[in-house]
Amino acid sequence: MASIKVKLRPSSVEGKTGVIYYQITHNRKTQQITTKLRVHPSEWNTNEEKLDPSVPNSLMIQNRIDSDVALLRRVILDLDSCGVDYSVSEIINRYKSPQSHILVLDYMRSQIEQLRATNRLGTAKNYEKTMCSFSEFLDNMYLPLSALTEQVITDYNAFLVQRGLVRNSVSFYMRVLRAIYNKAVRKKLIEQQYPFTEVYTGIDRIPRKNNHLCVNYRLLGSYE
């Protein structure tokens, strides 16, 4: 099975940031994928192949790295399952293929357009609200659908909680995002990896002031 290493290529200019790259090795052949991620050598943990968590925006950068590595592993598993020999070049070509890099936000936009075209305005509004929130979380980081991992969802959940959202509000965003993810699965754009298993997607019952009755927290529109 192919191996993946995440490395930092230092700059030839002292004091400048280096470039993160992925080293793919298979059948004694090695190739590299250079990213646009730049960090200082002092910010990089070579042994753990990770960014120092004390670095500003480290969560977003590390999420990008983890997402890319998850996608590469997915490509390798798919090739392994075919039962035929493959090269490092095939791994990289599949990784770089347009289908592997359909972005989450681009897919969300396409779904919103379809909903508006069919006059499902309530659902479109929910999708758009979730897209804006998830876009803020990504903070200009591109994220392919295939790299929407359990870790990314867990981090997004923490992002919402840190901003003071109550559990039902957090669950709203999770349910909408899960619906969009499941649509992509049904269209065979990605394989089902169940990334939402560790986050809450229910609806808490909110008691009335008299404590005798409870009502469900209701949301406008459906998700599917």
C-alpha atoms as a PDB file:
ATOM      1  CA  MET A   1       0.000   0.000   0.000  1.00  0.00           C
ATOM      2  CA  ALA A   2       1.181   3.494  -0.775  1.00  0.00           C
ATOM      3  CA  SER A   3       2.428   5.751   2.011  1.00  0.00           C
ATOM      4  CA  ILE A   4       1.849   9.471   2.540  1.00  0.00           C
ATOM      5  CA  LYS A   5       4.132  11.869   4.387  1.00  0.00           C
ATOM      6  CA  VAL A   6       3.473  15.542   5.069  1.00  0.00           C
ATOM      7  CA  LYS A   7       6.650  17.610   4.915  1.00  0.00           C
ATOM      8  CA  LEU A   8       7.864  21.186   4.952  1.00  0.00           C
ATOM      9  CA  ARG A   9      10.253  22.448   2.276  1.00  0.00           C
ATOM     10  CA  PRO A  10      12.160  25.364   3.884  1.00  0.00           C
ATOM     11  CA  SER A  11      12.735  28.541   1.925  1.00  0.00           C
ATOM     12  CA  SER A  12      16.210  29.219   0.563  1.00  0.00           C
ATOM     13  CA  VAL A  13      15.814  32.739   1.964  1.00  0.00           C
ATOM     14  CA  GLU A  14      16.409  32.995   5.708  1.00  0.00           C
ATOM     15  CA  GLY A  15      13.342  34.146   7.638  1.00  0.00           C
ATOM     16  CA  LYS A  16      10.880  33.307   4.842  1.00  0.00           C
ATOM     17  CA  THR A  17       8.102  30.755   5.112  1.00  0.00           C
ATOM     18  CA  GLY A  18       8.512  27.265   3.709  1.00  0.00           C
ATOM     19  CA  VAL A  19       6.012  25.257   1.642  1.00  0.00           C
ATOM     20  CA  ILE A  20       4.009  22.226   2.804  1.00  0.00           C
ATOM     21  CA  TYR A  21       4.124  19.283   0.400  1.00  0.00           C
ATOM     22  CA  TYR A  22       2.858  15.694   0.357  1.00  0.00           C
ATOM     23  CA  GLN A  23       5.303  12.900  -0.416  1.00  0.00           C
ATOM     24  CA  ILE A  24       3.644   9.832  -1.962  1.00  0.00           C
ATOM     25  CA  THR A  25       5.600   6.570  -2.102  1.00  0.00           C
ATOM     26  CA  HIS A  26       4.489   3.352  -3.789  1.00  0.00           C
ATOM     27  CA  ASN A  27       6.471   0.426  -5.173  1.00  0.00           C
ATOM     28  CA  ARG A  28       9.715   2.250  -4.327  1.00  0.00           C
ATOM     29  CA  LYS A  29       8.703   5.233  -6.459  1.00  0.00           C
ATOM     30  CA  THR A  30       8.222   8.666  -4.878  1.00  0.00           C
ATOM     31  CA  GLN A  31       6.528  11.820  -6.120  1.00  0.00           C
ATOM     32  CA  GLN A  32       5.490  15.063  -4.449  1.00  0.00           C
ATOM     33  CA  ILE A  33       2.409  17.267  -4.440  1.00  0.00           C
ATOM     34  CA  THR A  34       3.237  20.860  -3.582  1.00  0.00           C
ATOM     35  CA  THR A  35       0.527  22.850  -1.773  1.00  0.00           C
ATOM     36  CA  LYS A  36      -0.008  26.592  -1.411  1.00  0.00           C
ATOM     37  CA  LEU A  37       0.305  26.327   2.364  1.00  0.00           C
ATOM     38  CA  ARG A  38       3.226  28.298   3.752  1.00  0.00           C
ATOM     39  CA  VAL A  39       4.539  28.189   7.335  1.00  0.00           C
ATOM     40  CA  HIS A  40       7.771  29.010   9.131  1.00  0.00           C
ATOM     41  CA  PRO A  41      10.043  26.077  10.096  1.00  0.00           C
ATOM     42  CA  SER A  42       9.616  26.995  13.770  1.00  0.00           C
ATOM     43  CA  GLU A  43       5.856  26.442  13.385  1.00  0.00           C
ATOM     44  CA  TRP A  44       6.195  22.933  11.998  1.00  0.00           C
ATOM     45  CA  ASN A  45       6.552  19.706  14.026  1.00  0.00           C
ATOM     46  CA  THR A  46       8.621  17.466  11.767  1.00  0.00           C
ATOM     47  CA  ASN A  47       8.239  14.299  13.872  1.00  0.00           C
ATOM     48  CA  GLU A  48       4.445  14.509  14.070  1.00  0.00           C
ATOM     49  CA  GLU A  49       4.069  16.023  10.590  1.00  0.00           C
ATOM     50  CA  LYS A  50       1.742  18.659  12.025  1.00  0.00           C
ATOM     51  CA  LEU A  51       1.513  22.370  12.575  1.00  0.00           C
ATOM     52  CA  ASP A  52       2.198  23.679  16.069  1.00  0.00           C
ATOM     53  CA  PRO A  53      -1.273  24.312  17.586  1.00  0.00           C
ATOM     54  CA  SER A  54      -0.098  27.619  19.072  1.00  0.00           C
ATOM     55  CA  VAL A  55       0.274  29.115  15.593  1.00  0.00           C
ATOM     56  CA  PRO A  56      -2.472  31.615  14.595  1.00  0.00           C
ATOM     57  CA  ASN A  57      -5.047  30.010  12.275  1.00  0.00           C
ATOM     58  CA  SER A  58      -3.395  26.637  12.895  1.00  0.00           C
ATOM     59  CA  LEU A  59      -6.802  24.917  13.037  1.00  0.00           C
ATOM     60  CA  MET A  60      -7.731  25.998   9.521  1.00  0.00           C
ATOM     61  CA  ILE A  61      -4.335  25.141   8.065  1.00  0.00           C
ATOM     62  CA  GLN A  62      -4.241  21.750   9.795  1.00  0.00           C
ATOM     63  CA  ASN A  63      -7.793  21.018   8.652  1.00  0.00           C
ATOM     64  CA  ARG A  64      -6.687  21.680   5.078  1.00  0.00           C
ATOM     65  CA  ILE A  65      -3.748  19.295   5.474  1.00  0.00           C
ATOM     66  CA  ASP A  66      -5.914  16.631   7.122  1.00  0.00           C
ATOM     67  CA  SER A  67      -8.530  17.001   4.375  1.00  0.00           C
ATOM     68  CA  ASP A  68      -5.939  16.588   1.624  1.00  0.00           C
ATOM     69  CA  VAL A  69      -4.429  13.542   3.314  1.00  0.00           C
ATOM     70  CA  ALA A  70      -7.897  12.032   3.805  1.00  0.00           C
ATOM     71  CA  LEU A  71      -8.576  12.481   0.096  1.00  0.00           C
ATOM     72  CA  LEU A  72      -5.253  10.878  -0.839  1.00  0.00           C
ATOM     73  CA  ARG A  73      -5.991   7.919   1.433  1.00  0.00           C
ATOM     74  CA  ARG A  74      -9.398   7.560  -0.161  1.00  0.00           C
ATOM     75  CA  VAL A  75      -7.808   7.489  -3.631  1.00  0.00           C
ATOM     76  CA  ILE A  76      -5.294   4.856  -2.506  1.00  0.00           C
ATOM     77  CA  LEU A  77      -8.014   2.677  -0.964  1.00  0.00           C
ATOM     78  CA  ASP A  78     -10.042   2.882  -4.164  1.00  0.00           C
ATOM     79  CA  LEU A  79      -7.027   1.826  -6.227  1.00  0.00           C
ATOM     80  CA  ASP A  80      -6.181  -0.991  -3.809  1.00  0.00           C
ATOM     81  CA  SER A  81      -9.744  -2.312  -4.031  1.00  0.00           C
ATOM     82  CA  CYS A  82      -9.389  -2.710  -7.814  1.00  0.00           C
ATOM     83  CA  GLY A  83      -6.852  -5.479  -7.268  1.00  0.00           C
ATOM     84  CA  VAL A  84      -4.502  -4.334 -10.032  1.00  0.00           C
ATOM     85  CA  ASP A  85      -1.108  -2.689  -9.987  1.00  0.00           C
ATOM     86  CA  TYR A  86      -1.019   1.100 -10.069  1.00  0.00           C
ATOM     87  CA  SER A  87       1.643   3.780 -10.040  1.00  0.00           C
ATOM     88  CA  VAL A  88       2.318   6.863  -7.947  1.00  0.00           C
ATOM     89  CA  SER A  89       1.354   8.943 -10.982  1.00  0.00           C
ATOM     90  CA  GLU A  90      -2.101   7.325 -11.014  1.00  0.00           C
ATOM     91  CA  ILE A  91      -2.602   8.262  -7.362  1.00  0.00           C
ATOM     92  CA  ILE A  92      -1.697  11.876  -8.057  1.00  0.00           C
ATOM     93  CA  ASN A  93      -3.771  12.069 -11.247  1.00  0.00           C
ATOM     94  CA  ARG A  94      -6.862  10.814  -9.426  1.00  0.00           C
ATOM     95  CA  TYR A  95      -6.203  13.149  -6.525  1.00  0.00           C
ATOM     96  CA  LYS A  96      -5.977  16.111  -8.895  1.00  0.00           C
ATOM     97  CA  SER A  97      -9.007  15.141 -11.000  1.00  0.00           C
ATOM     98  CA  PRO A  98     -11.857  17.721 -11.034  1.00  0.00           C
ATOM     99  CA  GLN A  99     -14.362  15.225  -9.603  1.00  0.00           C
ATOM    100  CA  SER A 100     -12.155  14.672  -6.554  1.00  0.00           C
ATOM    101  CA  HIS A 101     -12.134  18.395  -5.915  1.00  0.00           C
ATOM    102  CA  ILE A 102     -15.784  19.405  -6.135  1.00  0.00           C
ATOM    103  CA  LEU A 103     -15.804  21.972  -3.361  1.00  0.00           C
ATOM    104  CA  VAL A 104     -18.355  21.833  -0.557  1.00  0.00           C
ATOM    105  CA  LEU A 105     -19.296  25.501  -0.963  1.00  0.00           C
ATOM    106  CA  ASP A 106     -19.625  25.194  -4.753  1.00  0.00           C
ATOM    107  CA  TYR A 107     -21.897  22.184  -4.343  1.00  0.00           C
ATOM    108  CA  MET A 108     -23.986  24.038  -1.757  1.00  0.00           C
ATOM    109  CA  ARG A 109     -24.399  26.968  -4.164  1.00  0.00           C
ATOM    110  CA  SER A 110     -25.577  24.634  -6.928  1.00  0.00           C
ATOM    111  CA  GLN A 111     -28.144  23.075  -4.594  1.00  0.00           C
ATOM    112  CA  ILE A 112     -29.430  26.502  -3.543  1.00  0.00           C
ATOM    113  CA  GLU A 113     -29.896  27.473  -7.201  1.00  0.00           C
ATOM    114  CA  GLN A 114     -31.839  24.279  -7.887  1.00  0.00           C
ATOM    115  CA  LEU A 115     -34.075  24.852  -4.877  1.00  0.00           C
ATOM    116  CA  ARG A 116     -34.851  28.398  -5.934  1.00  0.00           C
ATOM    117  CA  ALA A 117     -35.585  27.240  -9.484  1.00  0.00           C
ATOM    118  CA  THR A 118     -38.214  24.829  -8.104  1.00  0.00           C
ATOM    119  CA  ASN A 119     -39.631  27.484  -5.757  1.00  0.00           C
ATOM    120  CA  ARG A 120     -38.505  25.685  -2.595  1.00  0.00           C
ATOM    121  CA  LEU A 121     -37.559  28.987  -1.048  1.00  0.00           C
ATOM    122  CA  GLY A 122     -37.716  27.947   2.606  1.00  0.00           C
ATOM    123  CA  THR A 123     -35.211  25.146   2.107  1.00  0.00           C
ATOM    124  CA  ALA A 124     -33.047  27.375  -0.088  1.00  0.00           C
ATOM    125  CA  LYS A 125     -32.949  29.936   2.732  1.00  0.00           C
ATOM    126  CA  ASN A 126     -31.815  27.280   5.221  1.00  0.00           C
ATOM    127  CA  TYR A 127     -29.128  26.060   2.826  1.00  0.00           C
ATOM    128  CA  GLU A 128     -27.885  29.601   2.233  1.00  0.00           C
ATOM    129  CA  LYS A 129     -27.744  30.350   5.956  1.00  0.00           C
ATOM    130  CA  THR A 130     -25.728  27.181   6.528  1.00  0.00           C
ATOM    131  CA  MET A 131     -23.442  27.924   3.589  1.00  0.00           C
ATOM    132  CA  CYS A 132     -22.607  31.369   5.011  1.00  0.00           C
ATOM    133  CA  SER A 133     -21.857  29.861   8.424  1.00  0.00           C
ATOM    134  CA  PHE A 134     -19.716  27.050   7.014  1.00  0.00           C
ATOM    135  CA  SER A 135     -17.890  29.522   4.759  1.00  0.00           C
ATOM    136  CA  GLU A 136     -16.992  31.601   7.825  1.00  0.00           C
ATOM    137  CA  PHE A 137     -15.691  28.452   9.515  1.00  0.00           C
ATOM    138  CA  LEU A 138     -13.544  27.533   6.492  1.00  0.00           C
ATOM    139  CA  ASP A 139     -12.048  31.033   6.408  1.00  0.00           C
ATOM    140  CA  ASN A 140     -11.038  30.922   2.718  1.00  0.00           C
ATOM    141  CA  MET A 141      -9.838  27.309   2.932  1.00  0.00           C
ATOM    142  CA  TYR A 142     -11.017  25.210   0.009  1.00  0.00           C
ATOM    143  CA  LEU A 143     -12.593  21.907   1.059  1.00  0.00           C
ATOM    144  CA  PRO A 144     -13.558  19.162  -1.414  1.00  0.00           C
ATOM    145  CA  LEU A 145     -16.723  17.176  -0.751  1.00  0.00           C
ATOM    146  CA  SER A 146     -14.637  14.022  -0.537  1.00  0.00           C
ATOM    147  CA  ALA A 147     -12.633  15.560   2.326  1.00  0.00           C
ATOM    148  CA  LEU A 148     -15.652  16.407   4.498  1.00  0.00           C
ATOM    149  CA  THR A 149     -14.428  14.153   7.282  1.00  0.00           C
ATOM    150  CA  GLU A 150     -15.648  13.446  10.796  1.00  0.00           C
ATOM    151  CA  GLN A 151     -12.835  15.650  12.128  1.00  0.00           C
ATOM    152  CA  VAL A 152     -13.943  18.589   9.979  1.00  0.00           C
ATOM    153  CA  ILE A 153     -17.529  18.210  11.207  1.00  0.00           C
ATOM    154  CA  THR A 154     -16.361  17.952  14.828  1.00  0.00           C
ATOM    155  CA  ASP A 155     -14.293  21.118  14.404  1.00  0.00           C
ATOM    156  CA  TYR A 156     -17.225  22.946  12.802  1.00  0.00           C
ATOM    157  CA  ASN A 157     -19.430  21.875  15.718  1.00  0.00           C
ATOM    158  CA  ALA A 158     -16.861  23.315  18.156  1.00  0.00           C
ATOM    159  CA  PHE A 159     -16.686  26.507  16.056  1.00  0.00           C
ATOM    160  CA  LEU A 160     -20.455  27.005  16.435  1.00  0.00           C
ATOM    161  CA  VAL A 161     -20.431  26.260  20.159  1.00  0.00           C
ATOM    162  CA  GLN A 162     -17.580  28.736  20.721  1.00  0.00           C
ATOM    163  CA  ARG A 163     -19.735  31.421  19.128  1.00  0.00           C
ATOM    164  CA  GLY A 164     -22.401  30.906  21.739  1.00  0.00           C
ATOM    165  CA  LEU A 165     -25.017  29.048  19.673  1.00  0.00           C
ATOM    166  CA  VAL A 166     -27.455  26.942  21.661  1.00  0.00           C
ATOM    167  CA  ARG A 167     -27.661  23.207  21.002  1.00  0.00           C
ATOM    168  CA  ASN A 168     -30.745  23.412  18.785  1.00  0.00           C
ATOM    169  CA  SER A 169     -29.111  26.084  16.620  1.00  0.00           C
ATOM    170  CA  VAL A 170     -25.934  24.019  16.270  1.00  0.00           C
ATOM    171  CA  SER A 171     -28.072  21.004  15.398  1.00  0.00           C
ATOM    172  CA  PHE A 172     -29.877  23.046  12.718  1.00  0.00           C
ATOM    173  CA  TYR A 173     -26.617  23.680  10.846  1.00  0.00           C
ATOM    174  CA  MET A 174     -25.531  20.071  11.286  1.00  0.00           C
ATOM    175  CA  ARG A 175     -28.800  18.696   9.897  1.00  0.00           C
ATOM    176  CA  VAL A 176     -28.724  20.977   6.876  1.00  0.00           C
ATOM    177  CA  LEU A 177     -25.091  20.162   6.136  1.00  0.00           C
ATOM    178  CA  ARG A 178     -25.803  16.458   6.572  1.00  0.00           C
ATOM    179  CA  ALA A 179     -28.696  16.673   4.104  1.00  0.00           C
ATOM    180  CA  ILE A 180     -26.420  18.299   1.527  1.00  0.00           C
ATOM    181  CA  TYR A 181     -23.728  15.689   2.159  1.00  0.00           C
ATOM    182  CA  ASN A 182     -26.253  12.858   1.739  1.00  0.00           C
ATOM    183  CA  LYS A 183     -27.434  14.324  -1.559  1.00  0.00           C
ATOM    184  CA  ALA A 184     -23.871  14.170  -2.844  1.00  0.00           C
ATOM    185  CA  VAL A 185     -23.672  10.545  -1.692  1.00  0.00           C
ATOM    186  CA  ARG A 186     -26.901   9.656  -3.524  1.00  0.00           C
ATOM    187  CA  LYS A 187     -25.557  11.272  -6.686  1.00  0.00           C
ATOM    188  CA  LYS A 188     -22.402   9.138  -6.291  1.00  0.00           C
ATOM    189  CA  LEU A 189     -20.151  12.185  -6.088  1.00  0.00           C
ATOM    190  CA  ILE A 190     -18.660  10.790  -2.873  1.00  0.00           C
ATOM    191  CA  GLU A 191     -18.869   7.618  -0.801  1.00  0.00           C
ATOM    192  CA  GLN A 192     -20.772   7.576   2.481  1.00  0.00           C
ATOM    193  CA  GLN A 193     -18.322   7.946   5.387  1.00  0.00           C
ATOM    194  CA  TYR A 194     -20.878   8.924   8.098  1.00  0.00           C
ATOM    195  CA  PRO A 195     -19.000  12.036   9.284  1.00  0.00           C
ATOM    196  CA  PHE A 196     -21.901  13.260  11.449  1.00  0.00           C
ATOM    197  CA  THR A 197     -22.001  10.353  13.916  1.00  0.00           C
ATOM    198  CA  GLU A 198     -20.223  12.253  16.704  1.00  0.00           C
ATOM    199  CA  VAL A 199     -22.297  15.465  16.632  1.00  0.00           C
ATOM    200  CA  TYR A 200     -25.814  16.160  17.874  1.00  0.00           C
ATOM    201  CA  THR A 201     -28.461  16.358  15.137  1.00  0.00           C
ATOM    202  CA  GLY A 202     -31.644  16.102  17.200  1.00  0.00           C
ATOM    203  CA  ILE A 203     -34.136  18.706  18.404  1.00  0.00           C
ATOM    204  CA  ASP A 204     -34.362  19.455  22.109  1.00  0.00           C
ATOM    205  CA  ARG A 205     -37.795  20.040  23.568  1.00  0.00           C
ATOM    206  CA  ILE A 206     -38.142  23.542  24.985  1.00  0.00           C
ATOM    207  CA  PRO A 207     -40.394  23.853  28.059  1.00  0.00           C
ATOM    208  CA  ARG A 208     -43.012  26.593  28.265  1.00  0.00           C
ATOM    209  CA  LYS A 209     -42.815  29.066  31.113  1.00  0.00           C
ATOM    210  CA  ASN A 210     -45.555  27.265  33.022  1.00  0.00           C
ATOM    211  CA  ASN A 211     -43.517  24.022  32.808  1.00  0.00           C
ATOM    212  CA  HIS A 212     -46.704  22.070  32.018  1.00  0.00           C
ATOM    213  CA  LEU A 213     -46.253  21.790  28.276  1.00  0.00           C
ATOM    214  CA  CYS A 214     -43.313  21.389  25.943  1.00  0.00           C
ATOM    215  CA  VAL A 215     -43.087  22.394  22.322  1.00  0.00           C
ATOM    216  CA  ASN A 216     -40.699  21.304  19.612  1.00  0.00           C
ATOM    217  CA  TYR A 217     -38.171  23.718  18.263  1.00  0.00           C
ATOM    218  CA  ARG A 218     -39.402  24.090  14.673  1.00  0.00           C
ATOM    219  CA  LEU A 219     -37.500  25.274  11.685  1.00  0.00           C
ATOM    220  CA  LEU A 220     -38.845  26.785   8.506  1.00  0.00           C
ATOM    221  CA  GLY A 221     -38.596  24.584   5.459  1.00  0.00           C
ATOM    222  CA  SER A 222     -37.308  21.053   5.023  1.00  0.00           C
ATOM    223  CA  TYR A 223     -33.756  19.932   4.352  1.00  0.00           C
ATOM    224  CA  GLU A 224     -34.107  17.362   1.639  1.00  0.00           C
END
